[in-house]
All heavy atoms as atom14 arrays in JSON, in Angstrom:
{
  "sequence": "IRLSLAQAFIDMLLEAYDALLHHGVNYHTLPAYKDQELL",
  "atom14_mask": [
    [1, 1, 1, 1, 1, 1, 1, 1, 0, 0, 0, 0, 0, 0],
    [1, 1, 1, 1, 1, 1, 1, 1, 1, 1, 1, 0, 0, 0],
    [1, 1, 1, 1, 1, 1, 1, 1, 0, 0, 0, 0, 0, 0],
    [1, 1, 1, 1, 1, 1, 0, 0, 0, 0, 0, 0, 0, 0],
    [1, 1, 1, 1, 1, 1, 1, 1, 0, 0, 0, 0, 0, 0],
    [1, 1, 1, 1, 1, 0, 0, 0, 0, 0, 0, 0, 0, 0],
    [1, 1, 1, 1, 1, 1, 1, 1, 1, 0, 0, 0, 0, 0],
    [1, 1, 1, 1, 1, 0, 0, 0, 0, 0, 0, 0, 0, 0],
    [1, 1, 1, 1, 1, 1, 1, 1, 1, 1, 1, 0, 0, 0],
    [1, 1, 1, 1, 1, 1, 1, 1, 0, 0, 0, 0, 0, 0],
    [1, 1, 1, 1, 1, 1, 1, 1, 0, 0, 0, 0, 0, 0],
    [1, 1, 1, 1, 1, 1, 1, 1, 0, 0, 0, 0, 0, 0],
    [1, 1, 1, 1, 1, 1, 1, 1, 0, 0, 0, 0, 0, 0],
    [1, 1, 1, 1, 1, 1, 1, 1, 0, 0, 0, 0, 0, 0],
    [1, 1, 1, 1, 1, 1, 1, 1, 1, 0, 0, 0, 0, 0],
    [1, 1, 1, 1, 1, 0, 0, 0, 0, 0, 0, 0, 0, 0],
    [1, 1, 1, 1, 1, 1, 1, 1, 1, 1, 1, 1, 0, 0],
    [1, 1, 1, 1, 1, 1, 1, 1, 0, 0, 0, 0, 0, 0],
    [1, 1, 1, 1, 1, 0, 0, 0, 0, 0, 0, 0, 0, 0],
    [1, 1, 1, 1, 1, 1, 1, 1, 0, 0, 0, 0, 0, 0],
    [1, 1, 1, 1, 1, 1, 1, 1, 0, 0, 0, 0, 0, 0],
    [1, 1, 1, 1, 1, 1, 1, 1, 1, 1, 0, 0, 0, 0],
    [1, 1, 1, 1, 1, 1, 1, 1, 1, 1, 0, 0, 0, 0],
    [1, 1, 1, 1, 0, 0, 0, 0, 0, 0, 0, 0, 0, 0],
    [1, 1, 1, 1, 1, 1, 1, 0, 0, 0, 0, 0, 0, 0],
    [1, 1, 1, 1, 1, 1, 1, 1, 0, 0, 0, 0, 0, 0],
    [1, 1, 1, 1, 1, 1, 1, 1, 1, 1, 1, 1, 0, 0],
    [1, 1, 1, 1, 1, 1, 1, 1, 1, 1, 0, 0, 0, 0],
    [1, 1, 1, 1, 1, 1, 1, 0, 0, 0, 0, 0, 0, 0],
    [1, 1, 1, 1, 1, 1, 1, 1, 0, 0, 0, 0, 0, 0],
    [1, 1, 1, 1, 1, 1, 1, 0, 0, 0, 0, 0, 0, 0],
    [1, 1, 1, 1, 1, 0, 0, 0, 0, 0, 0, 0, 0, 0],
    [1, 1, 1, 1, 1, 1, 1, 1, 1, 1, 1, 1, 0, 0],
    [1, 1, 1, 1, 1, 1, 1, 1, 1, 0, 0, 0, 0, 0],
    [1, 1, 1, 1, 1, 1, 1, 1, 0, 0, 0, 0, 0, 0],
    [1, 1, 1, 1, 1, 1, 1, 1, 1, 0, 0, 0, 0, 0],
    [1, 1, 1, 1, 1, 1, 1, 1, 1, 0, 0, 0, 0, 0],
    [1, 1, 1, 1, 1, 1, 1, 1, 0, 0, 0, 0, 0, 0],
    [1, 1, 1, 1, 1, 1, 1, 1, 0, 0, 0, 0, 0, 0]
  ],
  "atom14_positions": [
    [[-13.75, -8.69, -11.08], [-12.31, -8.83, -10.81], [-11.68, -7.45, -10.68], [-10.92, -7.19, -9.74], [-11.63, -9.64, -11.94], [-12.07, -11.09, -11.88], [-10.12, -9.53, -11.85], [-11.65, -11.91, -13.08], [0.0, 0.0, 0.0], [0.0, 0.0, 0.0], [0.0, 0.0, 0.0], [0.0, 0.0, 0.0], [0.0, 0.0, 0.0], [0.0, 0.0, 0.0]],
    [[-11.99, -6.57, -11.6], [-11.44, -5.21, -11.54], [-11.89, -4.47, -10.29], [-11.1, -3.75, -9.67], [-11.84, -4.43, -12.79], [-11.11, -4.88, -14.01], [-11.49, -4.06, -15.21], [-10.72, -4.46, -16.37], [-11.12, -4.28, -17.61], [-12.27, -3.7, -17.86], [-10.36, -4.68, -18.6], [0.0, 0.0, 0.0], [0.0, 0.0, 0.0], [0.0, 0.0, 0.0]],
    [[-13.16, -4.65, -9.92], [-13.67, -3.99, -8.71], [-12.95, -4.49, -7.47], [-12.55, -3.69, -6.61], [-15.17, -4.24, -8.58], [-15.83, -3.68, -7.32], [-15.71, -2.16, -7.3], [-17.27, -4.12, -7.23], [0.0, 0.0, 0.0], [0.0, 0.0, 0.0], [0.0, 0.0, 0.0], [0.0, 0.0, 0.0], [0.0, 0.0, 0.0], [0.0, 0.0, 0.0]],
    [[-12.75, -5.8, -7.36], [-12.06, -6.33, -6.17], [-10.61, -5.85, -6.12], [-10.08, -5.56, -5.04], [-12.14, -7.85, -6.12], [-11.37, -8.43, -7.13], [0.0, 0.0, 0.0], [0.0, 0.0, 0.0], [0.0, 0.0, 0.0], [0.0, 0.0, 0.0], [0.0, 0.0, 0.0], [0.0, 0.0, 0.0], [0.0, 0.0, 0.0], [0.0, 0.0, 0.0]],
    [[-9.95, -5.75, -7.28], [-8.58, -5.23, -7.3], [-8.55, -3.77, -6.87], [-7.67, -3.35, -6.11], [-7.97, -5.4, -8.68], [-7.56, -6.81, -9.07], [-7.14, -6.86, -10.54], [-6.44, -7.3, -8.18], [0.0, 0.0, 0.0], [0.0, 0.0, 0.0], [0.0, 0.0, 0.0], [0.0, 0.0, 0.0], [0.0, 0.0, 0.0], [0.0, 0.0, 0.0]],
    [[-9.5, -2.99, -7.36], [-9.54, -1.57, -7.0], [-9.81, -1.4, -5.51], [-9.18, -0.57, -4.84], [-10.62, -0.85, -7.81], [0.0, 0.0, 0.0], [0.0, 0.0, 0.0], [0.0, 0.0, 0.0], [0.0, 0.0, 0.0], [0.0, 0.0, 0.0], [0.0, 0.0, 0.0], [0.0, 0.0, 0.0], [0.0, 0.0, 0.0], [0.0, 0.0, 0.0]],
    [[-10.73, -2.2, -4.95], [-11.02, -2.11, -3.53], [-9.81, -2.5, -2.68], [-9.52, -1.84, -1.68], [-12.22, -2.99, -3.18], [-13.52, -2.44, -3.7], [-14.67, -3.42, -3.53], [-14.47, -4.62, -3.49], [-15.88, -2.88, -3.45], [0.0, 0.0, 0.0], [0.0, 0.0, 0.0], [0.0, 0.0, 0.0], [0.0, 0.0, 0.0], [0.0, 0.0, 0.0]],
    [[-9.11, -3.53, -3.09], [-7.92, -3.96, -2.34], [-6.83, -2.9, -2.41], [-6.13, -2.64, -1.43], [-7.41, -5.29, -2.89], [0.0, 0.0, 0.0], [0.0, 0.0, 0.0], [0.0, 0.0, 0.0], [0.0, 0.0, 0.0], [0.0, 0.0, 0.0], [0.0, 0.0, 0.0], [0.0, 0.0, 0.0], [0.0, 0.0, 0.0], [0.0, 0.0, 0.0]],
    [[-6.68, -2.27, -3.57], [-5.65, -1.23, -3.73], [-5.98, -0.01, -2.87], [-5.11, 0.54, -2.18], [-5.53, -0.84, -5.2], [-4.39, 0.09, -5.47], [-3.08, -0.33, -5.35], [-4.63, 1.41, -5.83], [-2.03, 0.53, -5.58], [-3.58, 2.27, -6.08], [-2.28, 1.84, -5.95], [0.0, 0.0, 0.0], [0.0, 0.0, 0.0], [0.0, 0.0, 0.0]],
    [[-7.25, 0.4, -2.87], [-7.67, 1.54, -2.04], [-7.48, 1.21, -0.56], [-7.02, 2.06, 0.22], [-9.12, 1.93, -2.34], [-9.25, 2.46, -3.77], [-9.66, 2.94, -1.34], [-8.44, 3.72, -4.05], [0.0, 0.0, 0.0], [0.0, 0.0, 0.0], [0.0, 0.0, 0.0], [0.0, 0.0, 0.0], [0.0, 0.0, 0.0], [0.0, 0.0, 0.0]],
    [[-7.8, -0.01, -0.15], [-7.62, -0.42, 1.23], [-6.15, -0.33, 1.63], [-5.81, 0.15, 2.71], [-8.15, -1.83, 1.42], [-8.16, -2.26, 2.87], [-8.54, -1.44, 3.73], [-7.79, -3.42, 3.14], [0.0, 0.0, 0.0], [0.0, 0.0, 0.0], [0.0, 0.0, 0.0], [0.0, 0.0, 0.0], [0.0, 0.0, 0.0], [0.0, 0.0, 0.0]],
    [[-5.26, -0.78, 0.73], [-3.82, -0.7, 1.0], [-3.38, 0.76, 1.11], [-2.62, 1.13, 2.02], [-3.03, -1.39, -0.11], [-1.53, -1.39, 0.11], [-0.58, -1.88, -1.33], [-0.68, -0.42, -2.34], [0.0, 0.0, 0.0], [0.0, 0.0, 0.0], [0.0, 0.0, 0.0], [0.0, 0.0, 0.0], [0.0, 0.0, 0.0], [0.0, 0.0, 0.0]],
    [[-3.86, 1.61, 0.21], [-3.48, 3.02, 0.25], [-4.0, 3.73, 1.49], [-3.32, 4.6, 2.05], [-3.96, 3.74, -1.01], [-3.21, 3.41, -2.28], [-3.8, 4.19, -3.45], [-1.74, 3.71, -2.15], [0.0, 0.0, 0.0], [0.0, 0.0, 0.0], [0.0, 0.0, 0.0], [0.0, 0.0, 0.0], [0.0, 0.0, 0.0], [0.0, 0.0, 0.0]],
    [[-5.2, 3.39, 1.94], [-5.74, 4.0, 3.16], [-4.89, 3.62, 4.37], [-4.6, 4.46, 5.23], [-7.19, 3.57, 3.38], [-8.21, 4.23, 2.47], [-9.58, 3.6, 2.68], [-8.26, 5.73, 2.71], [0.0, 0.0, 0.0], [0.0, 0.0, 0.0], [0.0, 0.0, 0.0], [0.0, 0.0, 0.0], [0.0, 0.0, 0.0], [0.0, 0.0, 0.0]],
    [[-4.48, 2.37, 4.43], [-3.6, 1.94, 5.52], [-2.24, 2.65, 5.44], [-1.67, 3.04, 6.45], [-3.43, 0.43, 5.48], [-2.7, -0.08, 6.68], [-3.28, -1.37, 7.21], [-4.34, -1.81, 6.75], [-2.64, -1.93, 8.1], [0.0, 0.0, 0.0], [0.0, 0.0, 0.0], [0.0, 0.0, 0.0], [0.0, 0.0, 0.0], [0.0, 0.0, 0.0]],
    [[-1.73, 2.8, 4.23], [-0.45, 3.48, 4.04], [-0.55, 4.95, 4.45], [0.35, 5.49, 5.1], [-0.01, 3.37, 2.59], [0.0, 0.0, 0.0], [0.0, 0.0, 0.0], [0.0, 0.0, 0.0], [0.0, 0.0, 0.0], [0.0, 0.0, 0.0], [0.0, 0.0, 0.0], [0.0, 0.0, 0.0], [0.0, 0.0, 0.0], [0.0, 0.0, 0.0]],
    [[-1.64, 5.6, 4.08], [-1.82, 7.01, 4.43], [-1.94, 7.16, 5.95], [-1.35, 8.08, 6.54], [-3.07, 7.58, 3.75], [-3.36, 9.0, 4.13], [-2.54, 10.03, 3.69], [-4.43, 9.31, 4.96], [-2.79, 11.35, 4.05], [-4.68, 10.62, 5.32], [-3.87, 11.64, 4.87], [-4.11, 12.93, 5.23], [0.0, 0.0, 0.0], [0.0, 0.0, 0.0]],
    [[-2.68, 6.27, 6.59], [-2.83, 6.32, 8.04], [-1.47, 6.14, 8.73], [-1.15, 6.85, 9.69], [-3.81, 5.23, 8.49], [-4.07, 5.28, 9.97], [-4.52, 6.34, 10.45], [-3.83, 4.27, 10.65], [0.0, 0.0, 0.0], [0.0, 0.0, 0.0], [0.0, 0.0, 0.0], [0.0, 0.0, 0.0], [0.0, 0.0, 0.0], [0.0, 0.0, 0.0]],
    [[-0.67, 5.21, 8.21], [0.66, 4.97, 8.8], [1.56, 6.19, 8.61], [2.32, 6.55, 9.51], [1.3, 3.74, 8.18], [0.0, 0.0, 0.0], [0.0, 0.0, 0.0], [0.0, 0.0, 0.0], [0.0, 0.0, 0.0], [0.0, 0.0, 0.0], [0.0, 0.0, 0.0], [0.0, 0.0, 0.0], [0.0, 0.0, 0.0], [0.0, 0.0, 0.0]],
    [[1.47, 6.82, 7.46], [2.28, 8.01, 7.21], [1.83, 9.18, 8.07], [2.64, 9.87, 8.68], [2.21, 8.4, 5.73], [3.03, 9.61, 5.29], [4.52, 9.36, 5.54], [2.78, 9.9, 3.83], [0.0, 0.0, 0.0], [0.0, 0.0, 0.0], [0.0, 0.0, 0.0], [0.0, 0.0, 0.0], [0.0, 0.0, 0.0], [0.0, 0.0, 0.0]],
    [[0.53, 9.37, 8.17], [-0.02, 10.5, 8.92], [0.24, 10.39, 10.41], [0.66, 11.35, 11.05], [-1.53, 10.61, 8.64], [-2.28, 11.76, 9.29], [-1.78, 13.09, 8.71], [-3.76, 11.62, 9.05], [0.0, 0.0, 0.0], [0.0, 0.0, 0.0], [0.0, 0.0, 0.0], [0.0, 0.0, 0.0], [0.0, 0.0, 0.0], [0.0, 0.0, 0.0]],
    [[0.01, 9.22, 10.97], [0.07, 9.07, 12.42], [1.4, 8.52, 12.96], [1.72, 8.72, 14.12], [-1.06, 8.17, 12.91], [-2.42, 8.74, 12.63], [-2.9, 9.86, 13.26], [-3.37, 8.35, 11.75], [-4.11, 10.13, 12.8], [-4.42, 9.23, 11.87], [0.0, 0.0, 0.0], [0.0, 0.0, 0.0], [0.0, 0.0, 0.0], [0.0, 0.0, 0.0]],
    [[2.16, 7.84, 12.11], [3.38, 7.19, 12.61], [4.63, 7.55, 11.82], [5.73, 7.14, 12.19], [3.2, 5.67, 12.6], [2.02, 5.22, 13.38], [1.99, 5.17, 14.75], [0.78, 4.8, 12.98], [0.81, 4.75, 15.16], [0.06, 4.52, 14.1], [0.0, 0.0, 0.0], [0.0, 0.0, 0.0], [0.0, 0.0, 0.0], [0.0, 0.0, 0.0]],
    [[4.48, 8.26, 10.72], [5.64, 8.66, 9.92], [6.26, 7.53, 9.13], [7.44, 7.57, 8.8], [0.0, 0.0, 0.0], [0.0, 0.0, 0.0], [0.0, 0.0, 0.0], [0.0, 0.0, 0.0], [0.0, 0.0, 0.0], [0.0, 0.0, 0.0], [0.0, 0.0, 0.0], [0.0, 0.0, 0.0], [0.0, 0.0, 0.0], [0.0, 0.0, 0.0]],
    [[5.48, 6.5, 8.81], [5.97, 5.34, 8.05], [5.62, 5.54, 6.59], [4.46, 5.65, 6.23], [5.35, 4.03, 8.57], [5.75, 2.86, 7.69], [5.76, 3.78, 10.01], [0.0, 0.0, 0.0], [0.0, 0.0, 0.0], [0.0, 0.0, 0.0], [0.0, 0.0, 0.0], [0.0, 0.0, 0.0], [0.0, 0.0, 0.0], [0.0, 0.0, 0.0]],
    [[6.65, 5.6, 5.73], [6.45, 5.76, 4.29], [6.51, 4.38, 3.64], [7.54, 3.73, 3.66], [7.51, 6.69, 3.71], [7.29, 6.97, 2.25], [6.35, 6.48, 1.63], [8.17, 7.78, 1.68], [0.0, 0.0, 0.0], [0.0, 0.0, 0.0], [0.0, 0.0, 0.0], [0.0, 0.0, 0.0], [0.0, 0.0, 0.0], [0.0, 0.0, 0.0]],
    [[5.42, 3.96, 3.02], [5.37, 2.6, 2.46], [6.25, 2.43, 1.24], [6.61, 1.31, 0.89], [3.93, 2.19, 2.16], [3.31, 2.8, 0.93], [3.25, 2.09, -0.27], [2.75, 4.07, 0.96], [2.67, 2.64, -1.39], [2.17, 4.61, -0.15], [2.12, 3.9, -1.33], [1.54, 4.44, -2.43], [0.0, 0.0, 0.0], [0.0, 0.0, 0.0]],
    [[6.66, 3.5, 0.6], [7.55, 3.4, -0.56], [8.95, 2.9, -0.17], [9.68, 2.41, -1.02], [7.69, 4.76, -1.26], [6.47, 5.17, -1.99], [6.14, 4.68, -3.23], [5.47, 6.02, -1.65], [5.01, 5.22, -3.63], [4.58, 6.03, -2.69], [0.0, 0.0, 0.0], [0.0, 0.0, 0.0], [0.0, 0.0, 0.0], [0.0, 0.0, 0.0]],
    [[9.3, 3.02, 1.08], [10.62, 2.58, 1.52], [10.64, 1.16, 2.07], [11.7, 0.65, 2.39], [11.16, 3.53, 2.62], [10.27, 3.49, 3.74], [11.27, 4.95, 2.11], [0.0, 0.0, 0.0], [0.0, 0.0, 0.0], [0.0, 0.0, 0.0], [0.0, 0.0, 0.0], [0.0, 0.0, 0.0], [0.0, 0.0, 0.0], [0.0, 0.0, 0.0]],
    [[9.48, 0.53, 2.16], [9.4, -0.81, 2.74], [9.82, -1.89, 1.74], [9.59, -1.76, 0.54], [7.97, -1.08, 3.22], [7.46, -0.13, 4.3], [6.0, -0.42, 4.6], [8.29, -0.25, 5.56], [0.0, 0.0, 0.0], [0.0, 0.0, 0.0], [0.0, 0.0, 0.0], [0.0, 0.0, 0.0], [0.0, 0.0, 0.0], [0.0, 0.0, 0.0]],
    [[10.45, -2.97, 2.24], [10.93, -4.03, 1.34], [9.82, -4.69, 0.52], [10.03, -5.04, -0.64], [11.57, -5.04, 2.28], [11.83, -4.32, 3.54], [10.84, -3.21, 3.61], [0.0, 0.0, 0.0], [0.0, 0.0, 0.0], [0.0, 0.0, 0.0], [0.0, 0.0, 0.0], [0.0, 0.0, 0.0], [0.0, 0.0, 0.0], [0.0, 0.0, 0.0]],
    [[8.65, -4.89, 1.11], [7.57, -5.55, 0.37], [7.1, -4.72, -0.81], [6.73, -5.26, -1.85], [6.39, -5.82, 1.31], [0.0, 0.0, 0.0], [0.0, 0.0, 0.0], [0.0, 0.0, 0.0], [0.0, 0.0, 0.0], [0.0, 0.0, 0.0], [0.0, 0.0, 0.0], [0.0, 0.0, 0.0], [0.0, 0.0, 0.0], [0.0, 0.0, 0.0]],
    [[7.14, -3.4, -0.68], [6.74, -2.53, -1.78], [7.79, -2.52, -2.88], [7.47, -2.49, -4.06], [6.5, -1.11, -1.28], [6.04, -0.16, -2.37], [4.73, -0.16, -2.8], [6.94, 0.7, -3.0], [4.31, 0.68, -3.81], [6.53, 1.54, -4.0], [5.21, 1.53, -4.41], [4.81, 2.36, -5.41], [0.0, 0.0, 0.0], [0.0, 0.0, 0.0]],
    [[9.04, -2.56, -2.49], [10.13, -2.52, -3.47], [10.27, -3.83, -4.24], [10.82, -3.85, -5.33], [11.45, -2.19, -2.77], [11.51, -0.76, -2.29], [12.84, -0.49, -1.63], [12.92, 0.93, -1.16], [14.19, 1.22, -0.51], [0.0, 0.0, 0.0], [0.0, 0.0, 0.0], [0.0, 0.0, 0.0], [0.0, 0.0, 0.0], [0.0, 0.0, 0.0]],
    [[9.78, -4.93, -3.67], [9.87, -6.23, -4.34], [8.76, -6.33, -5.4], [7.63, -6.7, -5.11], [9.73, -7.36, -3.31], [9.86, -8.73, -3.94], [10.44, -8.83, -5.04], [9.38, -9.69, -3.32], [0.0, 0.0, 0.0], [0.0, 0.0, 0.0], [0.0, 0.0, 0.0], [0.0, 0.0, 0.0], [0.0, 0.0, 0.0], [0.0, 0.0, 0.0]],
    [[9.11, -6.01, -6.62], [8.14, -5.94, -7.71], [8.14, -7.21, -8.56], [7.45, -7.27, -9.57], [8.47, -4.75, -8.6], [8.48, -3.41, -7.89], [7.09, -2.88, -7.66], [6.23, -3.02, -8.51], [6.88, -2.26, -6.52], [0.0, 0.0, 0.0], [0.0, 0.0, 0.0], [0.0, 0.0, 0.0], [0.0, 0.0, 0.0], [0.0, 0.0, 0.0]],
    [[8.88, -8.24, -8.16], [9.01, -9.45, -8.97], [7.66, -10.14, -9.19], [7.34, -10.56, -10.31], [9.98, -10.42, -8.29], [10.25, -11.66, -9.11], [11.25, -12.57, -8.43], [12.17, -12.06, -7.77], [11.08, -13.79, -8.56], [0.0, 0.0, 0.0], [0.0, 0.0, 0.0], [0.0, 0.0, 0.0], [0.0, 0.0, 0.0], [0.0, 0.0, 0.0]],
    [[6.85, -10.21, -8.15], [5.53, -10.84, -8.26], [4.64, -10.07, -9.23], [3.92, -10.66, -10.03], [4.89, -10.92, -6.87], [3.6, -11.72, -6.74], [3.86, -13.18, -7.07], [3.04, -11.59, -5.34], [0.0, 0.0, 0.0], [0.0, 0.0, 0.0], [0.0, 0.0, 0.0], [0.0, 0.0, 0.0], [0.0, 0.0, 0.0], [0.0, 0.0, 0.0]],
    [[4.73, -8.75, -9.18], [3.92, -7.92, -10.08], [4.4, -8.03, -11.52], [3.59, -8.02, -12.45], [3.97, -6.45, -9.65], [3.32, -6.13, -8.32], [3.44, -4.64, -8.03], [1.88, -6.56, -8.29], [0.0, 0.0, 0.0], [0.0, 0.0, 0.0], [0.0, 0.0, 0.0], [0.0, 0.0, 0.0], [0.0, 0.0, 0.0], [0.0, 0.0, 0.0]]
  ]
}
């Protein structure tokens, strides 16, 4: 369970880094990231 969570988190961060590097999209400003209710 911990391994799958870590892999999913790294996958999300890699996509976020790619978006920031190539498109200037910061995931910290997105509504889905700010919605912490589920977490």
